[in-house]
Amino acid sequence: MVFAVKSENATSQSTQAPPAPHDDPSVFPLAIPIISGPGALTAGVTLVSRAHTHRILADVAFIGIALVVFAITYVAMRGSSSITKLLGRVGVDAAGRLVGIIVTAIAVQMVVDGLHGLVHF
């Protein structure tokens, strides 16, 4: 995701015709864990379980926040084709690599935090 690795039979964009898009039903289910993965589920359970004094208020707030996040995700998904047209192929590739770097940094920080908790530096 971060490194631009070309296959050995890659040709220049001017001589290569773009592949025809086709509907692949296996692509959509792969996006589900990224949207509501273990991190999001764990955060939700943790936030709801920590509310001891105002349980109903915490539940309503959590549901409200979840609905706002769902709405933002829906708008982003519906507008993704417009954003793709606006950014172009190079912009989408650059954004993907940038997100890859951010996710890598988060993963490294989580490993460091886990080792710190385990070893107690």
PDB file of N, CA and C in Angstrom:
ATOM      1  N   MET A   1       0.820  -1.191   0.000  1.00  0.00           N
ATOM      2  CA  MET A   1       0.000   0.000   0.000  1.00  0.00           C
ATOM      3  C   MET A   1       0.867   1.259   0.000  1.00  0.00           C
ATOM      4  N   VAL A   2       1.950   1.243   0.733  1.00  0.00           N
ATOM      5  CA  VAL A   2       2.799   2.413   0.843  1.00  0.00           C
ATOM      6  C   VAL A   2       3.797   2.487  -0.307  1.00  0.00           C
ATOM      7  N   PHE A   3       4.384   1.363  -0.669  1.00  0.00           N
ATOM      8  CA  PHE A   3       5.397   1.339  -1.713  1.00  0.00           C
ATOM      9  C   PHE A   3       4.752   1.089  -3.062  1.00  0.00           C
ATOM     10  N   ALA A   4       5.185   1.846  -4.066  1.00  0.00           N
ATOM     11  CA  ALA A   4       4.653   1.660  -5.419  1.00  0.00           C
ATOM     12  C   ALA A   4       5.434   0.548  -6.091  1.00  0.00           C
ATOM     13  N   VAL A   5       4.903  -0.660  -6.048  1.00  0.00           N
ATOM     14  CA  VAL A   5       5.570  -1.812  -6.645  1.00  0.00           C
ATOM     15  C   VAL A   5       4.875  -2.121  -7.963  1.00  0.00           C
ATOM     16  N   LYS A   6       5.649  -2.108  -9.043  1.00  0.00           N
ATOM     17  CA  LYS A   6       5.103  -2.418 -10.360  1.00  0.00           C
ATOM     18  C   LYS A   6       5.442  -3.849 -10.714  1.00  0.00           C
ATOM     19  N   SER A   7       4.533  -4.481 -11.421  1.00  0.00           N
ATOM     20  CA  SER A   7       4.803  -5.835 -11.857  1.00  0.00           C
ATOM     21  C   SER A   7       5.811  -5.810 -12.990  1.00  0.00           C
ATOM     22  N   GLU A   8       6.410  -6.954 -13.257  1.00  0.00           N
ATOM     23  CA  GLU A   8       7.466  -6.991 -14.262  1.00  0.00           C
ATOM     24  C   GLU A   8       6.951  -6.778 -15.672  1.00  0.00           C
ATOM     25  N   ASN A   9       5.686  -6.982 -15.902  1.00  0.00           N
ATOM     26  CA  ASN A   9       5.149  -6.773 -17.240  1.00  0.00           C
ATOM     27  C   ASN A   9       4.325  -5.494 -17.323  1.00  0.00           C
ATOM     28  N   ALA A  10       4.600  -4.530 -16.446  1.00  0.00           N
ATOM     29  CA  ALA A  10       3.909  -3.241 -16.487  1.00  0.00           C
ATOM     30  C   ALA A  10       4.477  -2.398 -17.615  1.00  0.00           C
ATOM     31  N   THR A  11       3.599  -1.715 -18.309  1.00  0.00           N
ATOM     32  CA  THR A  11       4.028  -0.851 -19.397  1.00  0.00           C
ATOM     33  C   THR A  11       3.637   0.575 -19.076  1.00  0.00           C
ATOM     34  N   SER A  12       4.074   1.502 -19.899  1.00  0.00           N
ATOM     35  CA  SER A  12       3.742   2.896 -19.648  1.00  0.00           C
ATOM     36  C   SER A  12       2.249   3.111 -19.838  1.00  0.00           C
ATOM     37  N   GLN A  13       1.727   4.149 -19.186  1.00  0.00           N
ATOM     38  CA  GLN A  13       0.290   4.398 -19.251  1.00  0.00           C
ATOM     39  C   GLN A  13      -0.155   4.770 -20.659  1.00  0.00           C
ATOM     40  N   SER A  14       0.738   5.363 -21.461  1.00  0.00           N
ATOM     41  CA  SER A  14       0.337   5.765 -22.800  1.00  0.00           C
ATOM     42  C   SER A  14       0.148   4.573 -23.725  1.00  0.00           C
ATOM     43  N   THR A  15       0.840   3.472 -23.468  1.00  0.00           N
ATOM     44  CA  THR A  15       0.707   2.303 -24.334  1.00  0.00           C
ATOM     45  C   THR A  15      -0.226   1.251 -23.769  1.00  0.00           C
ATOM     46  N   GLN A  16      -0.626   1.404 -22.543  1.00  0.00           N
ATOM     47  CA  GLN A  16      -1.468   0.402 -21.898  1.00  0.00           C
ATOM     48  C   GLN A  16      -2.902   0.907 -21.822  1.00  0.00           C
ATOM     49  N   ALA A  17      -3.824   0.120 -22.319  1.00  0.00           N
ATOM     50  CA  ALA A  17      -5.239   0.479 -22.235  1.00  0.00           C
ATOM     51  C   ALA A  17      -5.743   0.171 -20.835  1.00  0.00           C
ATOM     52  N   PRO A  18      -6.604   1.031 -20.294  1.00  0.00           N
ATOM     53  CA  PRO A  18      -7.126   0.750 -18.954  1.00  0.00           C
ATOM     54  C   PRO A  18      -8.004  -0.488 -18.979  1.00  0.00           C
ATOM     55  N   PRO A  19      -7.923  -1.301 -17.947  1.00  0.00           N
ATOM     56  CA  PRO A  19      -8.749  -2.503 -17.917  1.00  0.00           C
ATOM     57  C   PRO A  19     -10.215  -2.134 -17.787  1.00  0.00           C
ATOM     58  N   ALA A  20     -11.045  -2.923 -18.392  1.00  0.00           N
ATOM     59  CA  ALA A  20     -12.483  -2.683 -18.314  1.00  0.00           C
ATOM     60  C   ALA A  20     -12.982  -3.068 -16.925  1.00  0.00           C
ATOM     61  N   PRO A  21     -13.711  -2.169 -16.266  1.00  0.00           N
ATOM     62  CA  PRO A  21     -14.216  -2.515 -14.932  1.00  0.00           C
ATOM     63  C   PRO A  21     -15.296  -3.592 -15.039  1.00  0.00           C
ATOM     64  N   HIS A  22     -15.288  -4.458 -14.069  1.00  0.00           N
ATOM     65  CA  HIS A  22     -16.312  -5.489 -14.026  1.00  0.00           C
ATOM     66  C   HIS A  22     -16.807  -5.615 -12.601  1.00  0.00           C
ATOM     67  N   ASP A  23     -18.014  -6.060 -12.473  1.00  0.00           N
ATOM     68  CA  ASP A  23     -18.605  -6.217 -11.150  1.00  0.00           C
ATOM     69  C   ASP A  23     -18.058  -7.476 -10.501  1.00  0.00           C
ATOM     70  N   ASP A  24     -17.493  -7.301  -9.325  1.00  0.00           N
ATOM     71  CA  ASP A  24     -16.953  -8.423  -8.579  1.00  0.00           C
ATOM     72  C   ASP A  24     -17.618  -8.430  -7.209  1.00  0.00           C
ATOM     73  N   PRO A  25     -18.506  -9.359  -6.940  1.00  0.00           N
ATOM     74  CA  PRO A  25     -19.240  -9.344  -5.669  1.00  0.00           C
ATOM     75  C   PRO A  25     -18.368  -9.606  -4.459  1.00  0.00           C
ATOM     76  N   SER A  26     -17.159 -10.101  -4.643  1.00  0.00           N
ATOM     77  CA  SER A  26     -16.300 -10.390  -3.493  1.00  0.00           C
ATOM     78  C   SER A  26     -15.641  -9.139  -2.938  1.00  0.00           C
ATOM     79  N   VAL A  27     -15.661  -8.031  -3.659  1.00  0.00           N
ATOM     80  CA  VAL A  27     -14.990  -6.821  -3.201  1.00  0.00           C
ATOM     81  C   VAL A  27     -15.773  -6.150  -2.081  1.00  0.00           C
ATOM     82  N   PHE A  28     -17.072  -6.093  -2.184  1.00  0.00           N
ATOM     83  CA  PHE A  28     -17.869  -5.391  -1.186  1.00  0.00           C
ATOM     84  C   PHE A  28     -17.754  -5.983   0.212  1.00  0.00           C
ATOM     85  N   PRO A  29     -17.886  -7.309   0.418  1.00  0.00           N
ATOM     86  CA  PRO A  29     -17.783  -7.834   1.783  1.00  0.00           C
ATOM     87  C   PRO A  29     -16.426  -7.588   2.431  1.00  0.00           C
ATOM     88  N   LEU A  30     -15.391  -7.377   1.647  1.00  0.00           N
ATOM     89  CA  LEU A  30     -14.080  -7.110   2.229  1.00  0.00           C
ATOM     90  C   LEU A  30     -14.027  -5.750   2.896  1.00  0.00           C
ATOM     91  N   ALA A  31     -14.908  -4.822   2.523  1.00  0.00           N
ATOM     92  CA  ALA A  31     -14.903  -3.490   3.120  1.00  0.00           C
ATOM     93  C   ALA A  31     -15.575  -3.458   4.483  1.00  0.00           C
ATOM     94  N   ILE A  32     -16.394  -4.431   4.795  1.00  0.00           N
ATOM     95  CA  ILE A  32     -17.145  -4.413   6.045  1.00  0.00           C
ATOM     96  C   ILE A  32     -16.233  -4.422   7.278  1.00  0.00           C
ATOM     97  N   PRO A  33     -15.208  -5.282   7.366  1.00  0.00           N
ATOM     98  CA  PRO A  33     -14.360  -5.244   8.567  1.00  0.00           C
ATOM     99  C   PRO A  33     -13.597  -3.937   8.736  1.00  0.00           C
ATOM    100  N   ILE A  34     -13.324  -3.236   7.663  1.00  0.00           N
ATOM    101  CA  ILE A  34     -12.605  -1.976   7.784  1.00  0.00           C
ATOM    102  C   ILE A  34     -13.513  -0.908   8.384  1.00  0.00           C
ATOM    103  N   ILE A  35     -14.784  -0.940   8.062  1.00  0.00           N
ATOM    104  CA  ILE A  35     -15.721   0.050   8.587  1.00  0.00           C
ATOM    105  C   ILE A  35     -16.069  -0.248  10.043  1.00  0.00           C
ATOM    106  N   SER A  36     -16.397  -1.475  10.337  1.00  0.00           N
ATOM    107  CA  SER A  36     -16.777  -1.830  11.705  1.00  0.00           C
ATOM    108  C   SER A  36     -15.913  -2.991  12.179  1.00  0.00           C
ATOM    109  N   GLY A  37     -14.653  -2.716  12.318  1.00  0.00           N
ATOM    110  CA  GLY A  37     -13.709  -3.757  12.702  1.00  0.00           C
ATOM    111  C   GLY A  37     -13.620  -3.942  14.195  1.00  0.00           C
ATOM    112  N   PRO A  38     -12.700  -4.766  14.619  1.00  0.00           N
ATOM    113  CA  PRO A  38     -12.557  -5.058  16.051  1.00  0.00           C
ATOM    114  C   PRO A  38     -12.229  -3.829  16.885  1.00  0.00           C
ATOM    115  N   GLY A  39     -11.507  -2.895  16.313  1.00  0.00           N
ATOM    116  CA  GLY A  39     -11.174  -1.681  17.062  1.00  0.00           C
ATOM    117  C   GLY A  39     -12.407  -0.850  17.372  1.00  0.00           C
ATOM    118  N   ALA A  40     -13.269  -0.682  16.368  1.00  0.00           N
ATOM    119  CA  ALA A  40     -14.504   0.089  16.572  1.00  0.00           C
ATOM    120  C   ALA A  40     -15.435  -0.622  17.549  1.00  0.00           C
ATOM    121  N   LEU A  41     -15.548  -1.924  17.416  1.00  0.00           N
ATOM    122  CA  LEU A  41     -16.413  -2.673  18.329  1.00  0.00           C
ATOM    123  C   LEU A  41     -15.881  -2.645  19.759  1.00  0.00           C
ATOM    124  N   THR A  42     -14.583  -2.791  19.920  1.00  0.00           N
ATOM    125  CA  THR A  42     -13.978  -2.737  21.255  1.00  0.00           C
ATOM    126  C   THR A  42     -14.150  -1.364  21.878  1.00  0.00           C
ATOM    127  N   ALA A  43     -13.958  -0.306  21.079  1.00  0.00           N
ATOM    128  CA  ALA A  43     -14.148   1.055  21.600  1.00  0.00           C
ATOM    129  C   ALA A  43     -15.589   1.261  22.045  1.00  0.00           C
ATOM    130  N   GLY A  44     -16.543   0.770  21.270  1.00  0.00           N
ATOM    131  CA  GLY A  44     -17.951   0.906  21.653  1.00  0.00           C
ATOM    132  C   GLY A  44     -18.275   0.181  22.938  1.00  0.00           C
ATOM    133  N   VAL A  45     -17.823  -1.053  23.054  1.00  0.00           N
ATOM    134  CA  VAL A  45     -18.083  -1.829  24.270  1.00  0.00           C
ATOM    135  C   VAL A  45     -17.421  -1.172  25.478  1.00  0.00           C
ATOM    136  N   THR A  46     -16.203  -0.696  25.306  1.00  0.00           N
ATOM    137  CA  THR A  46     -15.478  -0.054  26.408  1.00  0.00           C
ATOM    138  C   THR A  46     -16.174   1.217  26.850  1.00  0.00           C
ATOM    139  N   LEU A  47     -16.586   2.048  25.901  1.00  0.00           N
ATOM    140  CA  LEU A  47     -17.236   3.308  26.261  1.00  0.00           C
ATOM    141  C   LEU A  47     -18.557   3.072  26.980  1.00  0.00           C
ATOM    142  N   VAL A  48     -19.334   2.116  26.519  1.00  0.00           N
ATOM    143  CA  VAL A  48     -20.626   1.847  27.154  1.00  0.00           C
ATOM    144  C   VAL A  48     -20.444   1.188  28.514  1.00  0.00           C
ATOM    145  N   SER A  49     -19.468   0.314  28.649  1.00  0.00           N
ATOM    146  CA  SER A  49     -19.286  -0.394  29.921  1.00  0.00           C
ATOM    147  C   SER A  49     -18.710   0.489  31.022  1.00  0.00           C
ATOM    148  N   ARG A  50     -18.039   1.582  30.665  1.00  0.00           N
ATOM    149  CA  ARG A  50     -17.442   2.468  31.683  1.00  0.00           C
ATOM    150  C   ARG A  50     -18.447   3.439  32.300  1.00  0.00           C
ATOM    151  N   ALA A  51     -19.600   3.576  31.711  1.00  0.00           N
ATOM    152  CA  ALA A  51     -20.603   4.515  32.220  1.00  0.00           C
ATOM    153  C   ALA A  51     -21.385   3.845  33.342  1.00  0.00           C
ATOM    154  N   HIS A  52     -21.053   4.189  34.582  1.00  0.00           N
ATOM    155  CA  HIS A  52     -21.711   3.561  35.731  1.00  0.00           C
ATOM    156  C   HIS A  52     -22.806   4.453  36.314  1.00  0.00           C
ATOM    157  N   THR A  53     -22.586   5.751  36.340  1.00  0.00           N
ATOM    158  CA  THR A  53     -23.527   6.629  37.042  1.00  0.00           C
ATOM    159  C   THR A  53     -24.722   7.021  36.174  1.00  0.00           C
ATOM    160  N   HIS A  54     -24.498   7.411  34.955  1.00  0.00           N
ATOM    161  CA  HIS A  54     -25.572   7.862  34.070  1.00  0.00           C
ATOM    162  C   HIS A  54     -25.692   6.887  32.907  1.00  0.00           C
ATOM    163  N   ARG A  55     -26.142   5.699  33.206  1.00  0.00           N
ATOM    164  CA  ARG A  55     -26.168   4.610  32.220  1.00  0.00           C
ATOM    165  C   ARG A  55     -27.045   4.935  31.013  1.00  0.00           C
ATOM    166  N   ILE A  56     -28.262   5.429  31.237  1.00  0.00           N
ATOM    167  CA  ILE A  56     -29.179   5.714  30.132  1.00  0.00           C
ATOM    168  C   ILE A  56     -28.637   6.858  29.282  1.00  0.00           C
ATOM    169  N   LEU A  57     -28.123   7.895  29.916  1.00  0.00           N
ATOM    170  CA  LEU A  57     -27.558   9.026  29.188  1.00  0.00           C
ATOM    171  C   LEU A  57     -26.359   8.585  28.342  1.00  0.00           C
ATOM    172  N   ALA A  58     -25.524   7.720  28.894  1.00  0.00           N
ATOM    173  CA  ALA A  58     -24.360   7.223  28.156  1.00  0.00           C
ATOM    174  C   ALA A  58     -24.785   6.376  26.960  1.00  0.00           C
ATOM    175  N   ASP A  59     -25.816   5.554  27.144  1.00  0.00           N
ATOM    176  CA  ASP A  59     -26.312   4.734  26.035  1.00  0.00           C
ATOM    177  C   ASP A  59     -26.896   5.596  24.919  1.00  0.00           C
ATOM    178  N   VAL A  60     -27.673   6.602  25.285  1.00  0.00           N
ATOM    179  CA  VAL A  60     -28.265   7.496  24.289  1.00  0.00           C
ATOM    180  C   VAL A  60     -27.169   8.278  23.561  1.00  0.00           C
ATOM    181  N   ALA A  61     -26.181   8.751  24.295  1.00  0.00           N
ATOM    182  CA  ALA A  61     -25.074   9.479  23.677  1.00  0.00           C
ATOM    183  C   ALA A  61     -24.300   8.581  22.723  1.00  0.00           C
ATOM    184  N   PHE A  62     -24.052   7.347  23.131  1.00  0.00           N
ATOM    185  CA  PHE A  62     -23.325   6.410  22.272  1.00  0.00           C
ATOM    186  C   PHE A  62     -24.106   6.128  20.992  1.00  0.00           C
ATOM    187  N   ILE A  63     -25.400   5.902  21.107  1.00  0.00           N
ATOM    188  CA  ILE A  63     -26.219   5.634  19.925  1.00  0.00           C
ATOM    189  C   ILE A  63     -26.258   6.864  19.016  1.00  0.00           C
ATOM    190  N   GLY A  64     -26.353   8.043  19.594  1.00  0.00           N
ATOM    191  CA  GLY A  64     -26.346   9.275  18.804  1.00  0.00           C
ATOM    192  C   GLY A  64     -25.043   9.465  18.046  1.00  0.00           C
ATOM    193  N   ILE A  65     -23.935   9.228  18.731  1.00  0.00           N
ATOM    194  CA  ILE A  65     -22.625   9.357  18.090  1.00  0.00           C
ATOM    195  C   ILE A  65     -22.470   8.308  16.994  1.00  0.00           C
ATOM    196  N   ALA A  66     -22.932   7.087  17.254  1.00  0.00           N
ATOM    197  CA  ALA A  66     -22.849   6.034  16.240  1.00  0.00           C
ATOM    198  C   ALA A  66     -23.661   6.416  15.007  1.00  0.00           C
ATOM    199  N   LEU A  67     -24.836   7.004  15.184  1.00  0.00           N
ATOM    200  CA  LEU A  67     -25.647   7.427  14.043  1.00  0.00           C
ATOM    201  C   LEU A  67     -24.966   8.541  13.245  1.00  0.00           C
ATOM    202  N   VAL A  68     -24.306   9.457  13.940  1.00  0.00           N
ATOM    203  CA  VAL A  68     -23.562  10.515  13.243  1.00  0.00           C
ATOM    204  C   VAL A  68     -22.416   9.915  12.429  1.00  0.00           C
ATOM    205  N   VAL A  69     -21.707   8.956  13.010  1.00  0.00           N
ATOM    206  CA  VAL A  69     -20.619   8.293  12.283  1.00  0.00           C
ATOM    207  C   VAL A  69     -21.166   7.523  11.088  1.00  0.00           C
ATOM    208  N   PHE A  70     -22.302   6.849  11.250  1.00  0.00           N
ATOM    209  CA  PHE A  70     -22.932   6.143  10.127  1.00  0.00           C
ATOM    210  C   PHE A  70     -23.291   7.121   9.011  1.00  0.00           C
ATOM    211  N   ALA A  71     -23.833   8.288   9.373  1.00  0.00           N
ATOM    212  CA  ALA A  71     -24.211   9.289   8.371  1.00  0.00           C
ATOM    213  C   ALA A  71     -22.986   9.813   7.627  1.00  0.00           C
ATOM    214  N   ILE A  72     -21.907  10.090   8.356  1.00  0.00           N
ATOM    215  CA  ILE A  72     -20.675  10.564   7.718  1.00  0.00           C
ATOM    216  C   ILE A  72     -20.121   9.497   6.777  1.00  0.00           C
ATOM    217  N   THR A  73     -20.153   8.242   7.204  1.00  0.00           N
ATOM    218  CA  THR A  73     -19.680   7.148   6.361  1.00  0.00           C
ATOM    219  C   THR A  73     -20.538   7.017   5.115  1.00  0.00           C
ATOM    220  N   TYR A  74     -21.846   7.137   5.265  1.00  0.00           N
ATOM    221  CA  TYR A  74     -22.755   7.040   4.125  1.00  0.00           C
ATOM    222  C   TYR A  74     -22.468   8.148   3.108  1.00  0.00           C
ATOM    223  N   VAL A  75     -22.330   9.378   3.586  1.00  0.00           N
ATOM    224  CA  VAL A  75     -22.051  10.508   2.691  1.00  0.00           C
ATOM    225  C   VAL A  75     -20.705  10.317   1.993  1.00  0.00           C
ATOM    226  N   ALA A  76     -19.706   9.846   2.727  1.00  0.00           N
ATOM    227  CA  ALA A  76     -18.387   9.619   2.126  1.00  0.00           C
ATOM    228  C   ALA A  76     -18.440   8.520   1.068  1.00  0.00           C
ATOM    229  N   MET A  77     -19.180   7.459   1.342  1.00  0.00           N
ATOM    230  CA  MET A  77     -19.300   6.373   0.361  1.00  0.00           C
ATOM    231  C   MET A  77     -20.072   6.825  -0.873  1.00  0.00           C
ATOM    232  N   ARG A  78     -21.154   7.579  -0.673  1.00  0.00           N
ATOM    233  CA  ARG A  78     -21.944   8.063  -1.808  1.00  0.00           C
ATOM    234  C   ARG A  78     -21.146   9.052  -2.658  1.00  0.00           C
ATOM    235  N   GLY A  79     -20.287   9.837  -2.047  1.00  0.00           N
ATOM    236  CA  GLY A  79     -19.505  10.829  -2.786  1.00  0.00           C
ATOM    237  C   GLY A  79     -18.157  10.337  -3.257  1.00  0.00           C
ATOM    238  N   SER A  80     -17.870   9.064  -3.042  1.00  0.00           N
ATOM    239  CA  SER A  80     -16.536   8.560  -3.382  1.00  0.00           C
ATOM    240  C   SER A  80     -16.244   8.618  -4.875  1.00  0.00           C
ATOM    241  N   SER A  81     -17.229   8.395  -5.723  1.00  0.00           N
ATOM    242  CA  SER A  81     -16.963   8.461  -7.158  1.00  0.00           C
ATOM    243  C   SER A  81     -16.652   9.888  -7.582  1.00  0.00           C
ATOM    244  N   SER A  82     -17.310  10.865  -6.982  1.00  0.00           N
ATOM    245  CA  SER A  82     -17.007  12.267  -7.289  1.00  0.00           C
ATOM    246  C   SER A  82     -15.615  12.649  -6.813  1.00  0.00           C
ATOM    247  N   ILE A  83     -15.252  12.167  -5.636  1.00  0.00           N
ATOM    248  CA  ILE A  83     -13.917  12.446  -5.106  1.00  0.00           C
ATOM    249  C   ILE A  83     -12.853  11.782  -5.978  1.00  0.00           C
ATOM    250  N   THR A  84     -13.142  10.572  -6.445  1.00  0.00           N
ATOM    251  CA  THR A  84     -12.199   9.869  -7.319  1.00  0.00           C
ATOM    252  C   THR A  84     -12.018  10.618  -8.626  1.00  0.00           C
ATOM    253  N   LYS A  85     -13.103  11.114  -9.190  1.00  0.00           N
ATOM    254  CA  LYS A  85     -12.994  11.905 -10.428  1.00  0.00           C
ATOM    255  C   LYS A  85     -12.215  13.187 -10.178  1.00  0.00           C
ATOM    256  N   LEU A  86     -12.424  13.812  -9.045  1.00  0.00           N
ATOM    257  CA  LEU A  86     -11.749  15.062  -8.718  1.00  0.00           C
ATOM    258  C   LEU A  86     -10.248  14.853  -8.521  1.00  0.00           C
ATOM    259  N   LEU A  87      -9.869  13.817  -7.789  1.00  0.00           N
ATOM    260  CA  LEU A  87      -8.460  13.568  -7.501  1.00  0.00           C
ATOM    261  C   LEU A  87      -7.716  12.938  -8.669  1.00  0.00           C
ATOM    262  N   GLY A  88      -8.390  12.120  -9.440  1.00  0.00           N
ATOM    263  CA  GLY A  88      -7.726  11.408 -10.528  1.00  0.00           C
ATOM    264  C   GLY A  88      -6.985  10.187  -9.996  1.00  0.00           C
ATOM    265  N   ARG A  89      -6.431   9.426 -10.914  1.00  0.00           N
ATOM    266  CA  ARG A  89      -5.743   8.186 -10.532  1.00  0.00           C
ATOM    267  C   ARG A  89      -4.523   8.455  -9.651  1.00  0.00           C
ATOM    268  N   VAL A  90      -3.744   9.456  -9.988  1.00  0.00           N
ATOM    269  CA  VAL A  90      -2.542   9.770  -9.205  1.00  0.00           C
ATOM    270  C   VAL A  90      -2.927  10.245  -7.805  1.00  0.00           C
ATOM    271  N   GLY A  91      -3.953  11.069  -7.706  1.00  0.00           N
ATOM    272  CA  GLY A  91      -4.399  11.558  -6.405  1.00  0.00           C
ATOM    273  C   GLY A  91      -4.923  10.447  -5.515  1.00  0.00           C
ATOM    274  N   VAL A  92      -5.664   9.515  -6.111  1.00  0.00           N
ATOM    275  CA  VAL A  92      -6.181   8.383  -5.342  1.00  0.00           C
ATOM    276  C   VAL A  92      -5.032   7.501  -4.866  1.00  0.00           C
ATOM    277  N   ASP A  93      -4.052   7.261  -5.740  1.00  0.00           N
ATOM    278  CA  ASP A  93      -2.882   6.470  -5.324  1.00  0.00           C
ATOM    279  C   ASP A  93      -2.117   7.166  -4.206  1.00  0.00           C
ATOM    280  N   ALA A  94      -1.940   8.487  -4.325  1.00  0.00           N
ATOM    281  CA  ALA A  94      -1.233   9.239  -3.286  1.00  0.00           C
ATOM    282  C   ALA A  94      -1.997   9.199  -1.963  1.00  0.00           C
ATOM    283  N   ALA A  95      -3.317   9.353  -2.023  1.00  0.00           N
ATOM    284  CA  ALA A  95      -4.121   9.305  -0.801  1.00  0.00           C
ATOM    285  C   ALA A  95      -4.056   7.919  -0.167  1.00  0.00           C
ATOM    286  N   GLY A  96      -4.077   6.881  -0.997  1.00  0.00           N
ATOM    287  CA  GLY A  96      -3.966   5.516  -0.467  1.00  0.00           C
ATOM    288  C   GLY A  96      -2.645   5.281   0.229  1.00  0.00           C
ATOM    289  N   ARG A  97      -1.576   5.796  -0.357  1.00  0.00           N
ATOM    290  CA  ARG A  97      -0.259   5.639   0.288  1.00  0.00           C
ATOM    291  C   ARG A  97      -0.170   6.445   1.578  1.00  0.00           C
ATOM    292  N   LEU A  98      -0.756   7.638   1.568  1.00  0.00           N
ATOM    293  CA  LEU A  98      -0.753   8.459   2.784  1.00  0.00           C
ATOM    294  C   LEU A  98      -1.517   7.770   3.903  1.00  0.00           C
ATOM    295  N   VAL A  99      -2.671   7.213   3.589  1.00  0.00           N
ATOM    296  CA  VAL A  99      -3.442   6.478   4.593  1.00  0.00           C
ATOM    297  C   VAL A  99      -2.662   5.252   5.064  1.00  0.00           C
ATOM    298  N   GLY A 100      -1.948   4.596   4.141  1.00  0.00           N
ATOM    299  CA  GLY A 100      -1.118   3.454   4.519  1.00  0.00           C
ATOM    300  C   GLY A 100      -0.039   3.834   5.520  1.00  0.00           C
ATOM    301  N   ILE A 101       0.570   4.999   5.311  1.00  0.00           N
ATOM    302  CA  ILE A 101       1.600   5.473   6.252  1.00  0.00           C
ATOM    303  C   ILE A 101       0.975   5.767   7.620  1.00  0.00           C
ATOM    304  N   ILE A 102      -0.201   6.389   7.622  1.00  0.00           N
ATOM    305  CA  ILE A 102      -0.869   6.703   8.887  1.00  0.00           C
ATOM    306  C   ILE A 102      -1.251   5.425   9.632  1.00  0.00           C
ATOM    307  N   VAL A 103      -1.797   4.447   8.918  1.00  0.00           N
ATOM    308  CA  VAL A 103      -2.173   3.176   9.554  1.00  0.00           C
ATOM    309  C   VAL A 103      -0.936   2.461  10.083  1.00  0.00           C
ATOM    310  N   THR A 104       0.164   2.525   9.335  1.00  0.00           N
ATOM    311  CA  THR A 104       1.412   1.916   9.799  1.00  0.00           C
ATOM    312  C   THR A 104       1.904   2.589  11.071  1.00  0.00           C
ATOM    313  N   ALA A 105       1.829   3.918  11.122  1.00  0.00           N
ATOM    314  CA  ALA A 105       2.261   4.639  12.325  1.00  0.00           C
ATOM    315  C   ALA A 105       1.396   4.264  13.531  1.00  0.00           C
ATOM    316  N   ILE A 106       0.099   4.132  13.319  1.00  0.00           N
ATOM    317  CA  ILE A 106      -0.790   3.727  14.415  1.00  0.00           C
ATOM    318  C   ILE A 106      -0.449   2.315  14.884  1.00  0.00           C
ATOM    319  N   ALA A 107      -0.184   1.418  13.939  1.00  0.00           N
ATOM    320  CA  ALA A 107       0.163   0.043  14.309  1.00  0.00           C
ATOM    321  C   ALA A 107       1.464  -0.010  15.101  1.00  0.00           C
ATOM    322  N   VAL A 108       2.457   0.743  14.663  1.00  0.00           N
ATOM    323  CA  VAL A 108       3.734   0.766  15.382  1.00  0.00           C
ATOM    324  C   VAL A 108       3.538   1.327  16.791  1.00  0.00           C
ATOM    325  N   GLN A 109       2.731   2.383  16.916  1.00  0.00           N
ATOM    326  CA  GLN A 109       2.482   2.953  18.237  1.00  0.00           C
ATOM    327  C   GLN A 109       1.769   1.957  19.141  1.00  0.00           C
ATOM    328  N   MET A 110       0.844   1.189  18.588  1.00  0.00           N
ATOM    329  CA  MET A 110       0.148   0.184  19.395  1.00  0.00           C
ATOM    330  C   MET A 110       1.110  -0.905  19.868  1.00  0.00           C
ATOM    331  N   VAL A 111       2.039  -1.306  19.014  1.00  0.00           N
ATOM    332  CA  VAL A 111       3.032  -2.308  19.417  1.00  0.00           C
ATOM    333  C   VAL A 111       3.930  -1.741  20.513  1.00  0.00           C
ATOM    334  N   VAL A 112       4.376  -0.490  20.344  1.00  0.00           N
ATOM    335  CA  VAL A 112       5.230   0.137  21.357  1.00  0.00           C
ATOM    336  C   VAL A 112       4.483   0.246  22.686  1.00  0.00           C
ATOM    337  N   ASP A 113       3.218   0.660  22.638  1.00  0.00           N
ATOM    338  CA  ASP A 113       2.423   0.763  23.879  1.00  0.00           C
ATOM    339  C   ASP A 113       2.257  -0.618  24.530  1.00  0.00           C
ATOM    340  N   GLY A 114       2.030  -1.644  23.725  1.00  0.00           N
ATOM    341  CA  GLY A 114       1.903  -2.991  24.266  1.00  0.00           C
ATOM    342  C   GLY A 114       3.185  -3.483  24.904  1.00  0.00           C
ATOM    343  N   LEU A 115       4.311  -3.236  24.252  1.00  0.00           N
ATOM    344  CA  LEU A 115       5.609  -3.636  24.832  1.00  0.00           C
ATOM    345  C   LEU A 115       5.908  -2.843  26.090  1.00  0.00           C
ATOM    346  N   HIS A 116       5.544  -1.556  26.085  1.00  0.00           N
ATOM    347  CA  HIS A 116       5.769  -0.728  27.258  1.00  0.00           C
ATOM    348  C   HIS A 116       4.958  -1.246  28.446  1.00  0.00           C
ATOM    349  N   GLY A 117       3.718  -1.637  28.205  1.00  0.00           N
ATOM    350  CA  GLY A 117       2.889  -2.190  29.257  1.00  0.00           C
ATOM    351  C   GLY A 117       3.367  -3.543  29.738  1.00  0.00           C
ATOM    352  N   LEU A 118       3.966  -4.306  28.827  1.00  0.00           N
ATOM    353  CA  LEU A 118       4.447  -5.632  29.160  1.00  0.00           C
ATOM    354  C   LEU A 118       5.758  -5.590  29.924  1.00  0.00           C
ATOM    355  N   VAL A 119       6.673  -4.707  29.497  1.00  0.00           N
ATOM    356  CA  VAL A 119       8.024  -4.688  30.064  1.00  0.00           C
ATOM    357  C   VAL A 119       8.155  -3.638  31.172  1.00  0.00           C
ATOM    358  N   HIS A 120       7.331  -2.605  31.190  1.00  0.00           N
ATOM    359  CA  HIS A 120       7.407  -1.502  32.169  1.00  0.00           C
ATOM    360  C   HIS A 120       8.757  -0.837  32.133  1.00  0.00           C
ATOM    361  N   PHE A 121       9.067  -0.201  31.021  1.00  0.00           N
ATOM    362  CA  PHE A 121      10.372   0.488  30.864  1.00  0.00           C
ATOM    363  C   PHE A 121      10.618   1.433  31.985  1.00  0.00           C
TER     364      PHE A 121
END
